[in-house]
Amino acid sequence: MKLIAIFLSGNGHRWLDFPGQRAFVSCAVAIVAAGLAGCTSKPSTSPSDESSARKVAVQLNWFAEAEHGGVYQAAADGTYKEAGFDVEVRPGGAGTPVAAEVILGRADFAITNADDVVLFRAAGADIVAVLAAMQNHPRCILVREESGVKTFDDLKGMTLQREEKRGFVEFLRLQGKLEGVNEVPYQGGIGALAGDPKVAIQAYLFAEPFLAIGEGMEVRTLMLSDLGWNPYSSVLVTRGDLIRSNPDMVREFVAATRKGWQNYVSDPALGNVAILSANQHGMTQEALDYGATELVKLAMPEPMALNDVGVMSENRWQNLVSQMEQIDLIKPGSVKPEDCYDLSFLASESAASQSSATADGPSTETAK
């Protein structure tokens, strides 16, 4: 059943980056049971709640990190409170059923990636993106400088540790960038990179480069966004029925979250304190500072301005759906791009329009 497929799909980015994952966690099974027993989706707020703080739950797709900074910032600096919200931020982890939490009303909003939104909709979930914090995706291929690899074309002859059947991997394959590359399963961490300069690994800009530098390695990142695979990241999503039943609440929450992201890229100090408090999985101040710094250029690539943070464009969504069809992640015609997003809740539609060329990133051509 499509319903079960939705509930057993976890967060859509890094939970596949470690060996043995894609495990079906018990909480997902419990949610499926609840859904099949007749659990319905109900907004946690209503117009009658306007006189007091409105309780809102936000489900993250991973452990608290810089990529969730805007949400933590808005909670820490009083932005949510000023907007009349009492927000609970729920960290995720391996296999977190993001779509299920939102669809069943356990959370009102969630953070995920744009390609996950497309997959959720292909599976039948009415998940809608309302804000995109990062214009450029942090996915990269990490190599050592001494490998001599400077472009994706130079990967020929290298050994690449990667998770099989991932969207970015299939995009690389379609582009011919994996010809002559020895593909092996990703083992997690940077150990293989340290042991052999002819090894490349899949990575996130926030994490593995920092670890490699800490081990004394000189490394280079090959950004998938430069090649044209560039789903929005740190996307705020909600369910369609909440948009239809309480659009004013959604609009106000999007505005507050957008302000939180703008504040975070300006000065992440308060948000980082909250992230460190919430992350119980080895996050250090140094790693978080590194991630917050790297995030700025992804959330606000030149020539974007601070007011543009959070924008989305129709072209980006159309391009993403087309790419996912071409690499067989979804069936052609199974997802309408316009169903994946709603631009009406962004503070200024004109800002989104004026920034669409910038938001489209370095390359938005479909895979050929």
Protein backbone atom coordinates (compact mmCIF):
# COMPACT_ATOMS: atom_id res chain seq x y z
CA MET A 1 0.00 0.00 0.00
CA LYS A 2 1.13 3.53 -0.73
CA LEU A 3 0.31 4.50 2.84
CA ILE A 4 2.79 2.01 4.23
CA ALA A 5 5.43 3.08 1.74
CA ILE A 6 5.10 6.66 2.94
CA PHE A 7 5.36 5.74 6.61
CA LEU A 8 8.41 3.55 6.10
CA SER A 9 10.30 6.22 4.20
CA GLY A 10 12.50 7.97 6.67
CA ASN A 11 14.29 11.24 6.42
CA GLY A 12 15.54 11.66 2.94
CA HIS A 13 19.14 12.64 3.20
CA ARG A 14 21.82 11.40 5.53
CA TRP A 15 20.19 8.34 7.04
CA LEU A 16 21.36 6.42 3.99
CA ASP A 17 24.92 7.56 4.47
CA PHE A 18 25.82 4.99 7.07
CA PRO A 19 26.09 1.21 6.66
CA GLY A 20 23.17 -0.95 7.70
CA GLN A 21 20.62 1.82 7.61
CA ARG A 22 17.25 1.94 5.86
CA ALA A 23 16.19 -0.20 8.81
CA PHE A 24 12.48 -0.10 9.49
CA VAL A 25 12.30 1.32 12.98
CA SER A 26 9.62 0.35 15.45
CA CYS A 27 8.18 3.84 15.67
CA ALA A 28 7.39 3.75 11.97
CA VAL A 29 5.51 0.49 12.42
CA ALA A 30 3.58 2.02 15.29
CA ILE A 31 2.62 4.99 13.17
CA VAL A 32 1.45 2.71 10.37
CA ALA A 33 -0.73 0.83 12.84
CA ALA A 34 -2.19 4.05 14.13
CA GLY A 35 -2.89 5.24 10.62
CA LEU A 36 -4.60 2.01 9.59
CA ALA A 37 -6.64 2.10 12.78
CA GLY A 38 -8.24 5.32 11.66
CA CYS A 39 -5.95 8.02 12.93
CA THR A 40 -6.78 11.27 11.17
CA SER A 41 -4.78 14.39 10.49
CA LYS A 42 -5.81 17.33 12.64
CA PRO A 43 -4.13 20.72 12.87
CA SER A 44 -2.83 21.37 16.37
CA THR A 45 -3.97 24.98 16.15
CA SER A 46 -7.18 26.68 15.15
CA PRO A 47 -8.38 30.28 14.76
CA SER A 48 -9.70 30.11 18.35
CA ASP A 49 -6.15 29.67 19.61
CA GLU A 50 -5.14 33.15 18.45
CA SER A 51 -5.59 34.67 21.92
CA SER A 52 -2.78 32.51 23.35
CA ALA A 53 0.46 30.95 22.20
CA ARG A 54 -0.25 28.39 19.50
CA LYS A 55 1.48 25.08 20.08
CA VAL A 56 3.34 23.88 16.98
CA ALA A 57 5.56 20.84 16.55
CA VAL A 58 8.37 20.76 13.99
CA GLN A 59 9.87 17.38 13.06
CA LEU A 60 13.50 17.38 11.89
CA ASN A 61 14.87 14.86 9.42
CA TRP A 62 18.14 14.39 11.28
CA PHE A 63 19.84 15.10 14.56
CA ALA A 64 20.01 18.79 15.41
CA GLU A 65 22.67 20.45 13.26
CA ALA A 66 23.42 23.68 11.44
CA GLU A 67 21.08 22.68 8.61
CA HIS A 68 18.21 23.18 11.08
CA GLY A 69 19.66 26.42 12.38
CA GLY A 70 16.83 28.75 11.39
CA VAL A 71 14.27 26.80 13.38
CA TYR A 72 16.43 26.69 16.49
CA GLN A 73 17.34 30.34 16.05
CA ALA A 74 13.69 31.42 15.85
CA ALA A 75 12.95 29.46 19.01
CA ALA A 76 16.00 30.79 20.85
CA ASP A 77 15.84 34.47 19.93
CA GLY A 78 12.12 34.90 20.58
CA THR A 79 11.00 35.15 16.95
CA TYR A 80 8.46 32.35 17.32
CA LYS A 81 7.24 33.73 20.63
CA GLU A 82 6.75 37.18 19.14
CA ALA A 83 4.69 35.60 16.38
CA GLY A 84 2.49 33.89 18.97
CA PHE A 85 3.90 30.37 18.69
CA ASP A 86 4.98 27.88 21.33
CA VAL A 87 7.24 25.64 19.24
CA GLU A 88 8.50 22.16 20.01
CA VAL A 89 11.44 21.17 17.80
CA ARG A 90 11.80 17.39 17.56
CA PRO A 91 15.21 16.09 16.43
CA GLY A 92 15.17 13.19 14.02
CA GLY A 93 17.59 10.42 13.26
CA ALA A 94 18.07 7.33 11.17
CA GLY A 95 14.74 6.32 9.65
CA THR A 96 12.66 9.16 11.06
CA PRO A 97 9.27 8.92 9.26
CA VAL A 98 9.03 12.60 8.41
CA ALA A 99 6.02 12.32 6.10
CA ALA A 100 4.09 10.15 8.52
CA GLU A 101 4.62 12.54 11.42
CA VAL A 102 3.20 15.41 9.40
CA ILE A 103 0.39 13.57 7.62
CA LEU A 104 -0.91 12.03 10.86
CA GLY A 105 -0.81 15.41 12.60
CA ARG A 106 1.87 14.43 15.11
CA ALA A 107 3.85 17.38 13.76
CA ASP A 108 2.55 20.44 11.95
CA PHE A 109 5.73 21.14 10.02
CA ALA A 110 8.95 19.31 9.18
CA ILE A 111 12.37 19.89 7.67
CA THR A 112 13.36 17.72 4.72
CA ASN A 113 14.88 18.00 1.22
CA ALA A 114 13.12 18.90 -1.99
CA ASP A 115 13.73 15.50 -3.62
CA ASP A 116 12.12 13.87 -0.60
CA VAL A 117 9.04 16.04 -1.10
CA VAL A 118 8.78 14.68 -4.65
CA LEU A 119 9.18 11.11 -3.40
CA PHE A 120 6.58 11.64 -0.68
CA ARG A 121 4.09 12.95 -3.21
CA ALA A 122 4.84 10.11 -5.60
CA ALA A 123 3.93 7.77 -2.73
CA GLY A 124 0.62 9.57 -2.18
CA ALA A 125 1.45 11.92 0.71
CA ASP A 126 0.04 15.44 0.53
CA ILE A 127 3.28 17.09 1.65
CA VAL A 128 3.87 20.66 0.47
CA ALA A 129 7.04 22.78 0.64
CA VAL A 130 6.54 26.34 1.87
CA LEU A 131 10.13 27.59 2.32
CA ALA A 132 13.60 26.52 1.20
CA ALA A 133 16.43 27.58 3.49
CA MET A 134 19.33 26.31 1.39
CA GLN A 135 19.37 27.22 -2.28
CA ASN A 136 22.34 24.95 -3.00
CA HIS A 137 22.43 21.39 -1.76
CA PRO A 138 25.34 20.41 0.53
CA ARG A 139 25.90 17.05 -1.18
CA CYS A 140 29.44 16.64 -2.48
CA ILE A 141 32.09 14.10 -3.41
CA LEU A 142 35.13 14.43 -1.15
CA VAL A 143 38.64 13.72 -2.43
CA ARG A 144 42.14 14.35 -1.18
CA GLU A 145 44.10 17.08 -2.90
CA GLU A 146 46.96 14.69 -3.62
CA SER A 147 44.59 12.54 -5.68
CA GLY A 148 44.84 15.10 -8.47
CA VAL A 149 41.04 15.12 -8.86
CA LYS A 150 39.79 18.60 -9.64
CA THR A 151 36.56 17.90 -11.54
CA PHE A 152 34.01 15.11 -11.80
CA ASP A 153 35.68 13.99 -15.01
CA ASP A 154 38.85 13.27 -13.03
CA LEU A 155 37.08 10.59 -10.97
CA LYS A 156 37.89 8.01 -13.64
CA GLY A 157 40.25 5.45 -12.12
CA MET A 158 39.21 6.35 -8.56
CA THR A 159 37.32 4.19 -6.09
CA LEU A 160 34.10 5.88 -4.98
CA GLN A 161 32.34 4.95 -1.77
CA ARG A 162 28.66 5.72 -2.29
CA GLU A 163 25.21 4.54 -1.31
CA GLU A 164 23.66 2.62 -4.17
CA LYS A 165 20.60 3.96 -6.01
CA ARG A 166 20.76 7.40 -4.45
CA GLY A 167 19.44 10.23 -6.62
CA PHE A 168 22.77 12.01 -6.86
CA VAL A 169 24.54 8.74 -7.74
CA GLU A 170 22.12 7.99 -10.57
CA PHE A 171 22.47 11.57 -11.78
CA LEU A 172 26.25 11.15 -11.88
CA ARG A 173 25.80 7.91 -13.79
CA LEU A 174 23.46 9.50 -16.33
CA GLN A 175 25.96 12.30 -16.84
CA GLY A 176 28.69 9.73 -17.59
CA LYS A 177 30.73 10.77 -14.56
CA LEU A 178 30.98 7.23 -13.16
CA GLU A 179 32.51 5.66 -16.25
CA GLY A 180 35.78 4.02 -15.25
CA VAL A 181 35.00 4.59 -11.56
CA ASN A 182 35.17 1.65 -9.17
CA GLU A 183 31.98 1.95 -7.14
CA VAL A 184 31.88 0.35 -3.70
CA PRO A 185 29.48 0.62 -0.75
CA TYR A 186 29.84 3.64 1.50
CA GLN A 187 31.23 2.59 4.87
CA GLY A 188 30.62 5.77 6.80
CA GLY A 189 33.25 8.18 8.04
CA ILE A 190 36.50 9.23 6.41
CA GLY A 191 38.68 6.23 7.25
CA ALA A 192 39.01 5.01 3.67
CA LEU A 193 39.89 8.52 2.52
CA ALA A 194 42.68 8.73 5.08
CA GLY A 195 44.10 5.38 4.06
CA ASP A 196 44.19 5.81 0.29
CA PRO A 197 44.36 9.03 -1.79
CA LYS A 198 42.73 7.16 -4.69
CA VAL A 199 39.50 6.80 -2.71
CA ALA A 200 36.65 9.32 -2.96
CA ILE A 201 33.62 9.33 -0.67
CA GLN A 202 30.15 10.79 -0.75
CA ALA A 203 29.90 13.58 1.78
CA TYR A 204 27.96 16.51 3.16
CA LEU A 205 29.68 19.87 3.11
CA PHE A 206 28.92 20.34 6.81
CA ALA A 207 30.51 17.18 8.13
CA GLU A 208 33.12 15.04 6.40
CA PRO A 209 35.34 17.90 5.12
CA PHE A 210 35.61 19.20 8.69
CA LEU A 211 36.57 15.76 9.97
CA ALA A 212 39.15 15.30 7.21
CA ILE A 213 40.74 18.67 7.88
CA GLY A 214 40.86 17.78 11.56
CA GLU A 215 42.86 14.68 10.63
CA GLY A 216 45.40 16.84 8.81
CA MET A 217 44.22 16.03 5.28
CA GLU A 218 44.02 18.56 2.48
CA VAL A 219 40.76 17.88 0.68
CA ARG A 220 38.66 19.10 -2.22
CA THR A 221 34.87 19.05 -2.47
CA LEU A 222 33.14 18.42 -5.79
CA MET A 223 29.69 19.93 -5.34
CA LEU A 224 26.81 18.12 -7.02
CA SER A 225 25.03 21.46 -7.32
CA ASP A 226 27.74 22.64 -9.71
CA LEU A 227 26.97 19.67 -11.93
CA GLY A 228 23.23 20.33 -11.94
CA TRP A 229 21.86 18.04 -9.21
CA ASN A 230 20.61 20.67 -6.82
CA PRO A 231 17.43 19.96 -4.84
CA TYR A 232 16.56 22.60 -2.29
CA SER A 233 17.73 21.56 1.17
CA SER A 234 16.43 22.35 4.67
CA VAL A 235 12.96 22.71 3.19
CA LEU A 236 10.08 23.57 5.51
CA VAL A 237 7.05 21.44 4.68
CA THR A 238 3.54 20.97 5.96
CA ARG A 239 0.48 18.98 4.96
CA GLY A 240 -2.05 20.14 2.42
CA ASP A 241 -5.02 20.01 4.76
CA LEU A 242 -3.36 22.39 7.21
CA ILE A 243 -2.78 24.85 4.37
CA ARG A 244 -6.43 24.60 3.41
CA SER A 245 -7.85 24.74 6.93
CA ASN A 246 -5.58 27.35 8.51
CA PRO A 247 -3.66 29.33 5.88
CA ASP A 248 -3.14 32.31 8.18
CA MET A 249 -1.32 30.19 10.74
CA VAL A 250 0.84 28.65 8.03
CA ARG A 251 1.66 32.09 6.64
CA GLU A 252 2.65 33.44 10.04
CA PHE A 253 4.76 30.41 10.86
CA VAL A 254 6.55 30.55 7.52
CA ALA A 255 7.29 34.24 8.06
CA ALA A 256 8.67 33.57 11.54
CA THR A 257 10.78 30.65 10.34
CA ARG A 258 12.12 32.69 7.45
CA LYS A 259 13.12 35.43 9.87
CA GLY A 260 14.79 32.79 12.01
CA TRP A 261 16.88 31.67 9.05
CA GLN A 262 17.80 35.25 8.18
CA ASN A 263 18.88 35.81 11.77
CA TYR A 264 20.85 32.57 11.81
CA VAL A 265 22.91 33.34 8.71
CA SER A 266 23.56 36.81 10.15
CA ASP A 267 24.63 35.62 13.61
CA PRO A 268 24.13 31.95 14.56
CA ALA A 269 25.24 32.28 18.19
CA LEU A 270 21.86 31.78 19.88
CA GLY A 271 20.76 29.10 17.47
CA ASN A 272 23.98 27.18 17.93
CA VAL A 273 23.60 27.16 21.71
CA ALA A 274 20.18 25.57 21.24
CA ILE A 275 21.51 23.07 18.69
CA LEU A 276 24.34 21.97 20.97
CA SER A 277 21.86 21.47 23.77
CA ALA A 278 19.57 19.38 21.57
CA ASN A 279 22.25 17.29 19.85
CA GLN A 280 23.23 14.30 21.97
CA HIS A 281 25.25 12.58 19.25
CA GLY A 282 28.74 13.99 19.55
CA MET A 283 28.29 17.44 18.06
CA THR A 284 31.09 19.79 19.08
CA GLN A 285 31.21 23.58 19.10
CA GLU A 286 33.97 23.53 16.50
CA ALA A 287 32.03 21.27 14.13
CA LEU A 288 28.88 23.35 14.55
CA ASP A 289 30.74 26.61 13.92
CA TYR A 290 32.20 25.09 10.77
CA GLY A 291 28.78 23.95 9.58
CA ALA A 292 27.16 27.29 10.28
CA THR A 293 29.85 29.08 8.29
CA GLU A 294 29.54 26.71 5.31
CA LEU A 295 25.76 27.04 5.42
CA VAL A 296 25.80 30.76 4.66
CA LYS A 297 27.08 30.32 1.12
CA LEU A 298 24.47 27.63 0.50
CA ALA A 299 21.57 29.63 1.92
CA MET A 300 22.63 32.89 0.36
CA PRO A 301 24.77 32.24 -2.74
CA GLU A 302 25.93 35.38 -4.54
CA PRO A 303 24.34 37.66 -5.57
CA MET A 304 21.44 36.83 -3.24
CA ALA A 305 20.72 39.22 -0.40
CA LEU A 306 19.59 38.50 3.15
CA ASN A 307 15.96 39.23 2.26
CA ASP A 308 16.08 36.47 -0.37
CA VAL A 309 16.80 33.70 2.14
CA GLY A 310 14.04 31.10 1.93
CA VAL A 311 12.84 31.76 -1.61
CA MET A 312 11.79 29.08 -4.07
CA SER A 313 11.11 29.15 -7.79
CA GLU A 314 8.78 27.23 -10.07
CA ASN A 315 11.65 26.47 -12.46
CA ARG A 316 13.68 24.72 -9.80
CA TRP A 317 10.81 22.42 -8.86
CA GLN A 318 9.96 21.66 -12.47
CA ASN A 319 13.59 20.85 -13.18
CA LEU A 320 13.89 18.58 -10.15
CA VAL A 321 10.80 16.55 -11.03
CA SER A 322 12.07 16.19 -14.60
CA GLN A 323 15.47 14.99 -13.38
CA MET A 324 13.93 12.47 -11.01
CA GLU A 325 11.84 11.08 -13.84
CA GLN A 326 14.90 10.75 -16.06
CA ILE A 327 16.87 8.81 -13.46
CA ASP A 328 13.85 6.58 -12.72
CA LEU A 329 13.27 7.71 -9.16
CA ILE A 330 9.62 8.42 -10.01
CA LYS A 331 7.35 7.40 -12.86
CA PRO A 332 6.86 10.04 -15.57
CA GLY A 333 3.76 12.08 -14.84
CA SER A 334 3.30 10.68 -11.33
CA VAL A 335 4.07 14.01 -9.68
CA LYS A 336 2.99 17.46 -10.79
CA PRO A 337 5.74 19.95 -9.90
CA GLU A 338 3.21 22.61 -8.91
CA ASP A 339 1.77 20.29 -6.25
CA CYS A 340 5.11 20.08 -4.46
CA TYR A 341 5.28 23.69 -3.29
CA ASP A 342 3.28 26.77 -2.38
CA LEU A 343 4.95 30.14 -2.92
CA SER A 344 2.05 32.15 -1.50
CA PHE A 345 3.32 31.95 2.08
CA LEU A 346 6.65 33.60 1.40
CA ALA A 347 6.77 37.17 2.60
CA SER A 348 7.22 38.64 -0.88
CA GLU A 349 6.33 36.88 -4.09
CA SER A 350 8.16 39.60 -5.95
CA ALA A 351 11.35 38.72 -4.07
CA ALA A 352 10.98 35.14 -5.22
CA SER A 353 10.43 36.26 -8.79
CA GLN A 354 13.34 38.67 -8.77
CA SER A 355 15.58 35.99 -7.30
CA SER A 356 14.45 33.12 -9.48
CA ALA A 357 17.47 33.36 -11.73
CA THR A 358 19.76 33.28 -8.72
CA ALA A 359 17.75 30.59 -6.99
CA ASP A 360 18.04 28.40 -10.05
CA GLY A 361 21.68 27.94 -9.10
CA PRO A 362 24.69 27.40 -11.35
CA SER A 363 22.93 24.86 -13.51
CA THR A 364 19.28 23.91 -13.87
CA GLU A 365 19.45 22.05 -17.15
CA THR A 366 17.76 18.68 -17.05
CA ALA A 367 19.92 15.60 -17.35
CA LYS A 368 20.61 14.59 -20.91
